[in-house]
Amino acid sequence: MRLQLIDEVITEPPGGAHADPDATAQSLGEALRRHLRELRRIKTDKLLKRREEKYLSMGALTEK
């Protein structure tokens, strides 16, 4: 997340995703729906510009 390569970490159920696939699917579905709701609010041209900036910045080094 610090490098802005991912948007969210989805917590696995106790024992791992394989231990409770239904809970895993539920958590994943909730995260996907939440992110899609947010993305739908953004105009297409702005969304494309953000995406372009995100991918162009991957691997770029910056000093803080």
C-alpha atoms as a PDB file:
ATOM      1  CA  MET A   1       0.000   0.000   0.000  1.00  0.00           C
ATOM      2  CA  ARG A   2       2.876   2.339   0.747  1.00  0.00           C
ATOM      3  CA  LEU A   3       4.002   1.992  -2.872  1.00  0.00           C
ATOM      4  CA  GLN A   4       0.400   2.451  -4.066  1.00  0.00           C
ATOM      5  CA  LEU A   5       0.456  -0.830  -5.963  1.00  0.00           C
ATOM      6  CA  ILE A   6      -2.619  -2.145  -4.170  1.00  0.00           C
ATOM      7  CA  ASP A   7      -5.775  -0.465  -2.911  1.00  0.00           C
ATOM      8  CA  GLU A   8      -6.668  -2.691   0.015  1.00  0.00           C
ATOM      9  CA  VAL A   9      -5.615  -5.792   1.916  1.00  0.00           C
ATOM     10  CA  ILE A  10      -8.555  -8.140   2.464  1.00  0.00           C
ATOM     11  CA  THR A  11      -8.208 -10.013   5.719  1.00  0.00           C
ATOM     12  CA  GLU A  12      -8.481 -13.782   5.525  1.00  0.00           C
ATOM     13  CA  PRO A  13     -10.646 -15.736   7.950  1.00  0.00           C
ATOM     14  CA  PRO A  14      -8.884 -17.612  10.772  1.00  0.00           C
ATOM     15  CA  GLY A  15      -6.963 -20.546   9.332  1.00  0.00           C
ATOM     16  CA  GLY A  16      -6.651 -18.945   5.896  1.00  0.00           C
ATOM     17  CA  ALA A  17      -8.873 -18.555   2.850  1.00  0.00           C
ATOM     18  CA  HIS A  18      -8.924 -22.296   2.189  1.00  0.00           C
ATOM     19  CA  ALA A  19     -10.294 -22.966   5.686  1.00  0.00           C
ATOM     20  CA  ASP A  20     -13.466 -20.958   5.082  1.00  0.00           C
ATOM     21  CA  PRO A  21     -14.059 -20.292   1.379  1.00  0.00           C
ATOM     22  CA  ASP A  22     -17.557 -18.901   2.010  1.00  0.00           C
ATOM     23  CA  ALA A  23     -16.264 -16.239   4.402  1.00  0.00           C
ATOM     24  CA  THR A  24     -13.441 -15.490   1.975  1.00  0.00           C
ATOM     25  CA  ALA A  25     -15.892 -15.046  -0.894  1.00  0.00           C
ATOM     26  CA  GLN A  26     -18.073 -12.815   1.292  1.00  0.00           C
ATOM     27  CA  SER A  27     -15.135 -10.554   2.238  1.00  0.00           C
ATOM     28  CA  LEU A  28     -13.911 -10.379  -1.329  1.00  0.00           C
ATOM     29  CA  GLY A  29     -17.397  -9.607  -2.648  1.00  0.00           C
ATOM     30  CA  GLU A  30     -17.872  -6.803  -0.128  1.00  0.00           C
ATOM     31  CA  ALA A  31     -14.537  -5.241  -1.044  1.00  0.00           C
ATOM     32  CA  LEU A  32     -15.229  -5.475  -4.781  1.00  0.00           C
ATOM     33  CA  ARG A  33     -18.698  -3.943  -4.421  1.00  0.00           C
ATOM     34  CA  ARG A  34     -17.342  -1.105  -2.269  1.00  0.00           C
ATOM     35  CA  HIS A  35     -14.567  -0.275  -4.741  1.00  0.00           C
ATOM     36  CA  LEU A  36     -16.899  -0.507  -7.741  1.00  0.00           C
ATOM     37  CA  ARG A  37     -19.360   1.903  -6.071  1.00  0.00           C
ATOM     38  CA  GLU A  38     -16.520   4.372  -5.589  1.00  0.00           C
ATOM     39  CA  LEU A  39     -15.269   3.967  -9.161  1.00  0.00           C
ATOM     40  CA  ARG A  40     -18.730   4.470 -10.647  1.00  0.00           C
ATOM     41  CA  ARG A  41     -18.858   7.944  -9.086  1.00  0.00           C
ATOM     42  CA  ILE A  42     -15.812   9.099 -11.052  1.00  0.00           C
ATOM     43  CA  LYS A  43     -16.207  10.428 -14.584  1.00  0.00           C
ATOM     44  CA  THR A  44     -14.600   8.183 -17.184  1.00  0.00           C
ATOM     45  CA  ASP A  45     -12.019  10.712 -18.378  1.00  0.00           C
ATOM     46  CA  LYS A  46     -10.878  11.407 -14.810  1.00  0.00           C
ATOM     47  CA  LEU A  47     -10.771   7.688 -14.017  1.00  0.00           C
ATOM     48  CA  LEU A  48      -8.645   6.981 -17.098  1.00  0.00           C
ATOM     49  CA  LYS A  49      -6.252   9.811 -16.190  1.00  0.00           C
ATOM     50  CA  ARG A  50      -5.903   8.483 -12.619  1.00  0.00           C
ATOM     51  CA  ARG A  51      -5.248   4.979 -13.918  1.00  0.00           C
ATOM     52  CA  GLU A  52      -2.642   6.241 -16.357  1.00  0.00           C
ATOM     53  CA  GLU A  53      -0.877   8.198 -13.606  1.00  0.00           C
ATOM     54  CA  LYS A  54      -0.967   5.203 -11.267  1.00  0.00           C
ATOM     55  CA  TYR A  55       0.606   2.808 -13.758  1.00  0.00           C
ATOM     56  CA  LEU A  56       3.166   5.307 -15.011  1.00  0.00           C
ATOM     57  CA  SER A  57       4.305   5.955 -11.442  1.00  0.00           C
ATOM     58  CA  MET A  58       4.870   2.263 -10.675  1.00  0.00           C
ATOM     59  CA  GLY A  59       8.533   1.609 -10.271  1.00  0.00           C
ATOM     60  CA  ALA A  60       9.363   5.311 -10.197  1.00  0.00           C
ATOM     61  CA  LEU A  61      11.620   6.324  -7.355  1.00  0.00           C
ATOM     62  CA  THR A  62      10.798   9.374  -5.297  1.00  0.00           C
ATOM     63  CA  GLU A  63      12.622  10.857  -2.350  1.00  0.00           C
ATOM     64  CA  LYS A  64      10.697  11.815   0.755  1.00  0.00           C
END
